[in-house]
Amino acid sequence: MLRIAIDGPGGAGKSTLAKALAKKLGMIYVDTGALYRTVGLFVDRNNVDPKDEDAVTEIIRDLEVKIAYENGNQIIYMNSEKITDEIRTPKMSMYASAVSAIPSVRSFLLDTQRKIAATENVIMDGRDIGTVILPDAEVKIFLTADPKERARRRYEELIEKGKNVTYESVLEEMNTRDTNDSQRKIAPCVPADDAVMFDNTGLTLEMSVERVIEIIGNKIQLLSK
């Protein structure tokens, strides 16, 4: 199995890049952030504070998260309900950040992610794929970009989906999440020791895909020696 881990902060373009790479390379794309957003949505619907570790640990016993693929697109199910669109909001982004710091949540989702990677050639993106989820991944990339550009990308994405947000609010939320994700005690968002750092500030998607394919090729050549 070939496993490619792409980590990095929000708005760096991990999902967009990973989807494009998966399509070009004929691999399965796994958006792990969507799994944490699903837990966040479940917590929200049950009126539980996402930072209340005991309460969150208790309610996720009643949660079942499944990933399916339709026409090459990842579909998320929460207790048999398709919630792929409902989790793509700024609120769920913050909830995902909060619940991802809870050990029981990370343990709950760990098996789901590793089982997929054990049976498929996968490109998996998130914040701790190369450090925690797939520490033995053949290729690890830490993707980043200038914070203002990351906020602009996320803002444009939300506006396109009809969300009522401002650039300033998106930038503020992104800075808050960056701090929370990088400083949390459990699986912080940091590069793996053997990750290739890639800053895609100012690059088009096509340019980023070409560069990462070069990185993957170089890594595979090193592994085959």
C-alpha atoms as a PDB file:
ATOM      1  CA  MET A   1       0.000   0.000   0.000  1.00  0.00           C
ATOM      2  CA  LEU A   2       1.131   3.548  -0.770  1.00  0.00           C
ATOM      3  CA  ARG A   3       0.153   6.027   1.906  1.00  0.00           C
ATOM      4  CA  ILE A   4       0.562   9.758   1.421  1.00  0.00           C
ATOM      5  CA  ALA A   5       0.026  11.994   4.453  1.00  0.00           C
ATOM      6  CA  ILE A   6      -0.653  15.704   3.949  1.00  0.00           C
ATOM      7  CA  ASP A   7      -0.740  17.782   7.122  1.00  0.00           C
ATOM      8  CA  GLY A   8      -0.968  21.499   7.730  1.00  0.00           C
ATOM      9  CA  PRO A   9      -3.093  24.327   9.124  1.00  0.00           C
ATOM     10  CA  GLY A  10      -6.574  25.311   7.940  1.00  0.00           C
ATOM     11  CA  GLY A  11      -6.825  27.083   4.604  1.00  0.00           C
ATOM     12  CA  ALA A  12      -3.509  25.767   3.314  1.00  0.00           C
ATOM     13  CA  GLY A  13      -5.384  23.895   0.606  1.00  0.00           C
ATOM     14  CA  LYS A  14      -4.834  20.373   1.918  1.00  0.00           C
ATOM     15  CA  SER A  15      -8.200  18.980   0.824  1.00  0.00           C
ATOM     16  CA  THR A  16      -8.148  20.614  -2.610  1.00  0.00           C
ATOM     17  CA  LEU A  17      -4.610  19.413  -3.249  1.00  0.00           C
ATOM     18  CA  ALA A  18      -5.259  15.915  -1.890  1.00  0.00           C
ATOM     19  CA  LYS A  19      -8.394  15.490  -4.021  1.00  0.00           C
ATOM     20  CA  ALA A  20      -6.552  16.586  -7.158  1.00  0.00           C
ATOM     21  CA  LEU A  21      -3.637  14.269  -6.409  1.00  0.00           C
ATOM     22  CA  ALA A  22      -5.920  11.315  -5.683  1.00  0.00           C
ATOM     23  CA  LYS A  23      -7.702  11.792  -8.991  1.00  0.00           C
ATOM     24  CA  LYS A  24      -4.462  12.127 -10.945  1.00  0.00           C
ATOM     25  CA  LEU A  25      -2.773   9.172  -9.219  1.00  0.00           C
ATOM     26  CA  GLY A  26      -5.835   6.917  -9.005  1.00  0.00           C
ATOM     27  CA  MET A  27      -5.829   6.770  -5.204  1.00  0.00           C
ATOM     28  CA  ILE A  28      -8.456   7.016  -2.465  1.00  0.00           C
ATOM     29  CA  TYR A  29      -8.782  10.422  -0.798  1.00  0.00           C
ATOM     30  CA  VAL A  30      -9.572  10.534   2.932  1.00  0.00           C
ATOM     31  CA  ASP A  31     -10.567  13.877   4.477  1.00  0.00           C
ATOM     32  CA  THR A  32      -9.932  13.241   8.179  1.00  0.00           C
ATOM     33  CA  GLY A  33     -11.012  16.748   9.151  1.00  0.00           C
ATOM     34  CA  ALA A  34     -14.530  15.816   8.045  1.00  0.00           C
ATOM     35  CA  LEU A  35     -14.565  13.064  10.669  1.00  0.00           C
ATOM     36  CA  TYR A  36     -13.836  15.525  13.479  1.00  0.00           C
ATOM     37  CA  ARG A  37     -16.398  17.948  12.076  1.00  0.00           C
ATOM     38  CA  THR A  38     -18.911  15.098  12.211  1.00  0.00           C
ATOM     39  CA  VAL A  39     -18.199  14.569  15.892  1.00  0.00           C
ATOM     40  CA  GLY A  40     -18.531  18.331  16.337  1.00  0.00           C
ATOM     41  CA  LEU A  41     -21.937  18.331  14.654  1.00  0.00           C
ATOM     42  CA  PHE A  42     -23.118  15.442  16.824  1.00  0.00           C
ATOM     43  CA  VAL A  43     -21.945  17.292  19.937  1.00  0.00           C
ATOM     44  CA  ASP A  44     -23.689  20.471  18.811  1.00  0.00           C
ATOM     45  CA  ARG A  45     -26.974  18.701  18.099  1.00  0.00           C
ATOM     46  CA  ASN A  46     -26.867  17.190  21.574  1.00  0.00           C
ATOM     47  CA  ASN A  47     -26.284  20.625  23.153  1.00  0.00           C
ATOM     48  CA  VAL A  48     -22.977  19.575  24.663  1.00  0.00           C
ATOM     49  CA  ASP A  49     -20.022  21.892  25.219  1.00  0.00           C
ATOM     50  CA  PRO A  50     -17.326  20.665  22.772  1.00  0.00           C
ATOM     51  CA  LYS A  51     -14.677  21.333  25.427  1.00  0.00           C
ATOM     52  CA  ASP A  52     -16.464  19.250  28.091  1.00  0.00           C
ATOM     53  CA  GLU A  53     -14.341  16.113  27.883  1.00  0.00           C
ATOM     54  CA  ASP A  54     -16.531  13.942  30.109  1.00  0.00           C
ATOM     55  CA  ALA A  55     -19.776  14.895  28.368  1.00  0.00           C
ATOM     56  CA  VAL A  56     -18.322  14.447  24.878  1.00  0.00           C
ATOM     57  CA  THR A  57     -16.818  11.079  25.832  1.00  0.00           C
ATOM     58  CA  GLU A  58     -20.217   9.961  27.108  1.00  0.00           C
ATOM     59  CA  ILE A  59     -22.292  10.928  24.063  1.00  0.00           C
ATOM     60  CA  ILE A  60     -19.987   9.599  21.347  1.00  0.00           C
ATOM     61  CA  ARG A  61     -20.878   6.117  22.567  1.00  0.00           C
ATOM     62  CA  ASP A  62     -24.082   6.675  20.593  1.00  0.00           C
ATOM     63  CA  LEU A  63     -22.307   7.899  17.468  1.00  0.00           C
ATOM     64  CA  GLU A  64     -21.444   5.918  14.365  1.00  0.00           C
ATOM     65  CA  VAL A  65     -19.347   7.579  11.663  1.00  0.00           C
ATOM     66  CA  LYS A  66     -18.975   6.032   8.237  1.00  0.00           C
ATOM     67  CA  ILE A  67     -17.146   7.053   5.068  1.00  0.00           C
ATOM     68  CA  ALA A  68     -18.447   6.092   1.646  1.00  0.00           C
ATOM     69  CA  TYR A  69     -17.405   7.057  -1.863  1.00  0.00           C
ATOM     70  CA  GLU A  70     -19.848   8.122  -4.564  1.00  0.00           C
ATOM     71  CA  ASN A  71     -18.493   9.014  -8.012  1.00  0.00           C
ATOM     72  CA  GLY A  72     -15.069   9.400  -6.448  1.00  0.00           C
ATOM     73  CA  ASN A  73     -16.306  11.856  -3.795  1.00  0.00           C
ATOM     74  CA  GLN A  74     -16.083  11.208  -0.063  1.00  0.00           C
ATOM     75  CA  ILE A  75     -19.482  11.077   1.655  1.00  0.00           C
ATOM     76  CA  ILE A  76     -19.799  11.239   5.443  1.00  0.00           C
ATOM     77  CA  TYR A  77     -22.588   9.542   7.366  1.00  0.00           C
ATOM     78  CA  MET A  78     -23.510  10.295  10.980  1.00  0.00           C
ATOM     79  CA  ASN A  79     -25.683   7.491  12.331  1.00  0.00           C
ATOM     80  CA  SER A  80     -26.872   6.754   8.773  1.00  0.00           C
ATOM     81  CA  GLU A  81     -27.591  10.446   8.028  1.00  0.00           C
ATOM     82  CA  LYS A  82     -25.629  11.994   5.175  1.00  0.00           C
ATOM     83  CA  ILE A  83     -24.137  15.192   6.635  1.00  0.00           C
ATOM     84  CA  THR A  84     -21.391  16.035   4.119  1.00  0.00           C
ATOM     85  CA  ASP A  85     -22.644  19.613   3.600  1.00  0.00           C
ATOM     86  CA  GLU A  86     -23.789  20.355   7.167  1.00  0.00           C
ATOM     87  CA  ILE A  87     -20.277  20.082   8.571  1.00  0.00           C
ATOM     88  CA  ARG A  88     -18.781  22.739   6.265  1.00  0.00           C
ATOM     89  CA  THR A  89     -19.410  25.814   8.425  1.00  0.00           C
ATOM     90  CA  PRO A  90     -17.111  28.066  10.502  1.00  0.00           C
ATOM     91  CA  LYS A  91     -18.894  26.864  13.654  1.00  0.00           C
ATOM     92  CA  MET A  92     -18.143  23.219  12.874  1.00  0.00           C
ATOM     93  CA  SER A  93     -14.540  24.172  12.150  1.00  0.00           C
ATOM     94  CA  MET A  94     -14.225  25.504  15.705  1.00  0.00           C
ATOM     95  CA  TYR A  95     -16.111  22.521  17.145  1.00  0.00           C
ATOM     96  CA  ALA A  96     -13.792  20.151  15.273  1.00  0.00           C
ATOM     97  CA  SER A  97     -10.783  21.918  16.758  1.00  0.00           C
ATOM     98  CA  ALA A  98     -12.242  21.599  20.262  1.00  0.00           C
ATOM     99  CA  VAL A  99     -13.260  17.933  20.131  1.00  0.00           C
ATOM    100  CA  SER A 100     -10.018  16.918  18.410  1.00  0.00           C
ATOM    101  CA  ALA A 101      -8.172  17.814  21.614  1.00  0.00           C
ATOM    102  CA  ILE A 102     -10.120  15.143  23.532  1.00  0.00           C
ATOM    103  CA  PRO A 103      -8.253  11.789  23.734  1.00  0.00           C
ATOM    104  CA  SER A 104     -11.420   9.667  23.600  1.00  0.00           C
ATOM    105  CA  VAL A 105     -12.479  11.333  20.344  1.00  0.00           C
ATOM    106  CA  ARG A 106      -9.106  10.753  18.721  1.00  0.00           C
ATOM    107  CA  SER A 107      -9.146   7.120  19.836  1.00  0.00           C
ATOM    108  CA  PHE A 108     -12.704   6.739  18.556  1.00  0.00           C
ATOM    109  CA  LEU A 109     -11.728   7.863  15.043  1.00  0.00           C
ATOM    110  CA  LEU A 110      -8.243   6.336  14.884  1.00  0.00           C
ATOM    111  CA  ASP A 111      -9.346   2.833  13.891  1.00  0.00           C
ATOM    112  CA  THR A 112     -11.621   4.166  11.132  1.00  0.00           C
ATOM    113  CA  GLN A 113      -8.749   6.034   9.531  1.00  0.00           C
ATOM    114  CA  ARG A 114      -6.176   3.255   9.847  1.00  0.00           C
ATOM    115  CA  LYS A 115      -8.514   0.567   8.504  1.00  0.00           C
ATOM    116  CA  ILE A 116      -8.957   2.519   5.276  1.00  0.00           C
ATOM    117  CA  ALA A 117      -5.201   2.989   4.889  1.00  0.00           C
ATOM    118  CA  ALA A 118      -4.597  -0.733   5.473  1.00  0.00           C
ATOM    119  CA  THR A 119      -6.697  -1.780   2.475  1.00  0.00           C
ATOM    120  CA  GLU A 120      -6.336   1.046  -0.044  1.00  0.00           C
ATOM    121  CA  ASN A 121      -3.696   3.283  -1.607  1.00  0.00           C
ATOM    122  CA  VAL A 122      -4.638   6.500   0.179  1.00  0.00           C
ATOM    123  CA  ILE A 123      -3.953  10.195   0.294  1.00  0.00           C
ATOM    124  CA  MET A 124      -5.017  11.351   3.739  1.00  0.00           C
ATOM    125  CA  ASP A 125      -5.034  14.954   4.878  1.00  0.00           C
ATOM    126  CA  GLY A 126      -5.425  16.446   8.326  1.00  0.00           C
ATOM    127  CA  ARG A 127      -3.317  17.885  11.096  1.00  0.00           C
ATOM    128  CA  ASP A 128      -1.603  14.836  12.615  1.00  0.00           C
ATOM    129  CA  ILE A 129      -1.621  12.222   9.850  1.00  0.00           C
ATOM    130  CA  GLY A 130       2.143  11.897   9.542  1.00  0.00           C
ATOM    131  CA  THR A 131       2.792  12.165  13.275  1.00  0.00           C
ATOM    132  CA  VAL A 132      -0.022  10.050  14.779  1.00  0.00           C
ATOM    133  CA  ILE A 133      -2.478   8.455  12.360  1.00  0.00           C
ATOM    134  CA  LEU A 134      -0.012   7.091   9.781  1.00  0.00           C
ATOM    135  CA  PRO A 135       3.455   7.530  11.301  1.00  0.00           C
ATOM    136  CA  ASP A 136       4.822   4.947   8.833  1.00  0.00           C
ATOM    137  CA  ALA A 137       3.386   6.646   5.735  1.00  0.00           C
ATOM    138  CA  GLU A 138       5.713   6.381   2.750  1.00  0.00           C
ATOM    139  CA  VAL A 139       5.309  10.078   1.891  1.00  0.00           C
ATOM    140  CA  LYS A 140       4.682  12.903   4.372  1.00  0.00           C
ATOM    141  CA  ILE A 141       4.086  16.509   3.362  1.00  0.00           C
ATOM    142  CA  PHE A 142       3.459  19.498   5.621  1.00  0.00           C
ATOM    143  CA  LEU A 143       1.546  22.050   3.580  1.00  0.00           C
ATOM    144  CA  THR A 144       1.332  25.678   4.571  1.00  0.00           C
ATOM    145  CA  ALA A 145       0.839  29.183   3.176  1.00  0.00           C
ATOM    146  CA  ASP A 146       0.786  32.777   4.341  1.00  0.00           C
ATOM    147  CA  PRO A 147      -1.998  33.211   6.972  1.00  0.00           C
ATOM    148  CA  LYS A 148      -3.667  36.074   5.084  1.00  0.00           C
ATOM    149  CA  GLU A 149      -3.745  34.037   1.899  1.00  0.00           C
ATOM    150  CA  ARG A 150      -5.126  31.026   3.760  1.00  0.00           C
ATOM    151  CA  ALA A 151      -7.887  33.207   5.222  1.00  0.00           C
ATOM    152  CA  ARG A 152      -8.689  34.625   1.788  1.00  0.00           C
ATOM    153  CA  ARG A 153      -9.010  31.148   0.314  1.00  0.00           C
ATOM    154  CA  ARG A 154     -11.319  30.008   3.095  1.00  0.00           C
ATOM    155  CA  TYR A 155     -13.378  33.213   2.871  1.00  0.00           C
ATOM    156  CA  GLU A 156     -13.890  32.802  -0.883  1.00  0.00           C
ATOM    157  CA  GLU A 157     -14.830  29.150  -0.388  1.00  0.00           C
ATOM    158  CA  LEU A 158     -17.477  30.048   2.200  1.00  0.00           C
ATOM    159  CA  ILE A 159     -18.884  32.929   0.150  1.00  0.00           C
ATOM    160  CA  GLU A 160     -19.179  30.629  -2.856  1.00  0.00           C
ATOM    161  CA  LYS A 161     -21.249  28.278  -0.687  1.00  0.00           C
ATOM    162  CA  GLY A 162     -23.557  31.146   0.281  1.00  0.00           C
ATOM    163  CA  LYS A 163     -22.264  31.606   3.843  1.00  0.00           C
ATOM    164  CA  ASN A 164     -22.659  35.034   5.473  1.00  0.00           C
ATOM    165  CA  VAL A 165     -19.126  35.728   6.704  1.00  0.00           C
ATOM    166  CA  THR A 166     -16.541  38.509   6.565  1.00  0.00           C
ATOM    167  CA  TYR A 167     -12.868  38.149   5.682  1.00  0.00           C
ATOM    168  CA  GLU A 168     -11.939  39.615   9.080  1.00  0.00           C
ATOM    169  CA  SER A 169     -13.997  37.043  10.980  1.00  0.00           C
ATOM    170  CA  VAL A 170     -12.533  34.181   8.940  1.00  0.00           C
ATOM    171  CA  LEU A 171      -8.985  35.431   9.575  1.00  0.00           C
ATOM    172  CA  GLU A 172      -9.667  35.753  13.309  1.00  0.00           C
ATOM    173  CA  GLU A 173     -11.177  32.255  13.533  1.00  0.00           C
ATOM    174  CA  MET A 174      -8.289  30.824  11.545  1.00  0.00           C
ATOM    175  CA  ASN A 175      -5.674  32.424  13.800  1.00  0.00           C
ATOM    176  CA  THR A 176      -7.516  31.096  16.859  1.00  0.00           C
ATOM    177  CA  ARG A 177      -7.670  27.602  15.436  1.00  0.00           C
ATOM    178  CA  ASP A 178      -4.003  27.714  14.388  1.00  0.00           C
ATOM    179  CA  THR A 179      -3.076  28.504  17.992  1.00  0.00           C
ATOM    180  CA  ASN A 180      -5.360  25.831  19.442  1.00  0.00           C
ATOM    181  CA  ASP A 181      -4.221  23.143  17.007  1.00  0.00           C
ATOM    182  CA  SER A 182      -0.498  23.795  17.320  1.00  0.00           C
ATOM    183  CA  GLN A 183      -0.459  24.119  21.126  1.00  0.00           C
ATOM    184  CA  ARG A 184      -2.833  21.331  22.179  1.00  0.00           C
ATOM    185  CA  LYS A 185      -1.268  18.585  24.279  1.00  0.00           C
ATOM    186  CA  ILE A 186      -2.804  15.744  22.276  1.00  0.00           C
ATOM    187  CA  ALA A 187      -1.487  15.343  18.717  1.00  0.00           C
ATOM    188  CA  PRO A 188      -0.624  18.991  17.945  1.00  0.00           C
ATOM    189  CA  CYS A 189      -0.511  20.208  14.353  1.00  0.00           C
ATOM    190  CA  VAL A 190       3.252  20.092  13.772  1.00  0.00           C
ATOM    191  CA  PRO A 191       5.391  18.650  10.961  1.00  0.00           C
ATOM    192  CA  ALA A 192       6.610  15.064  11.284  1.00  0.00           C
ATOM    193  CA  ASP A 193      10.390  14.811  11.566  1.00  0.00           C
ATOM    194  CA  ASP A 194      10.572  13.267   8.098  1.00  0.00           C
ATOM    195  CA  ALA A 195       7.932  15.464   6.436  1.00  0.00           C
ATOM    196  CA  VAL A 196       8.720  17.560   3.378  1.00  0.00           C
ATOM    197  CA  MET A 197       7.787  21.198   4.011  1.00  0.00           C
ATOM    198  CA  PHE A 198       5.840  22.795   1.154  1.00  0.00           C
ATOM    199  CA  ASP A 199       4.702  26.440   1.141  1.00  0.00           C
ATOM    200  CA  ASN A 200       2.181  26.978  -1.660  1.00  0.00           C
ATOM    201  CA  THR A 201       1.725  30.738  -1.207  1.00  0.00           C
ATOM    202  CA  GLY A 202       1.014  32.263  -4.611  1.00  0.00           C
ATOM    203  CA  LEU A 203       0.899  28.926  -6.424  1.00  0.00           C
ATOM    204  CA  THR A 204      -2.003  27.690  -8.519  1.00  0.00           C
ATOM    205  CA  LEU A 205      -3.484  24.261  -7.839  1.00  0.00           C
ATOM    206  CA  GLU A 206      -1.864  22.909 -11.003  1.00  0.00           C
ATOM    207  CA  MET A 207       1.554  24.171  -9.910  1.00  0.00           C
ATOM    208  CA  SER A 208       1.098  22.653  -6.446  1.00  0.00           C
ATOM    209  CA  VAL A 209       0.037  19.291  -7.886  1.00  0.00           C
ATOM    210  CA  GLU A 210       3.082  19.183 -10.177  1.00  0.00           C
ATOM    211  CA  ARG A 211       5.433  20.042  -7.321  1.00  0.00           C
ATOM    212  CA  VAL A 212       3.951  17.454  -4.952  1.00  0.00           C
ATOM    213  CA  ILE A 213       4.073  14.744  -7.620  1.00  0.00           C
ATOM    214  CA  GLU A 214       7.800  15.507  -7.897  1.00  0.00           C
ATOM    215  CA  ILE A 215       8.125  15.164  -4.116  1.00  0.00           C
ATOM    216  CA  ILE A 216       6.256  11.847  -4.164  1.00  0.00           C
ATOM    217  CA  GLY A 217       8.417  10.540  -7.004  1.00  0.00           C
ATOM    218  CA  ASN A 218      11.628  11.500  -5.207  1.00  0.00           C
ATOM    219  CA  LYS A 219      10.454   9.864  -1.981  1.00  0.00           C
ATOM    220  CA  ILE A 220       9.498   6.626  -3.713  1.00  0.00           C
ATOM    221  CA  GLN A 221      12.873   6.510  -5.490  1.00  0.00           C
ATOM    222  CA  LEU A 222      14.669   6.882  -2.143  1.00  0.00           C
ATOM    223  CA  LEU A 223      12.541   4.129  -0.596  1.00  0.00           C
ATOM    224  CA  SER A 224      13.297   1.734  -3.464  1.00  0.00           C
ATOM    225  CA  LYS A 225      17.054   2.071  -3.085  1.00  0.00           C
END
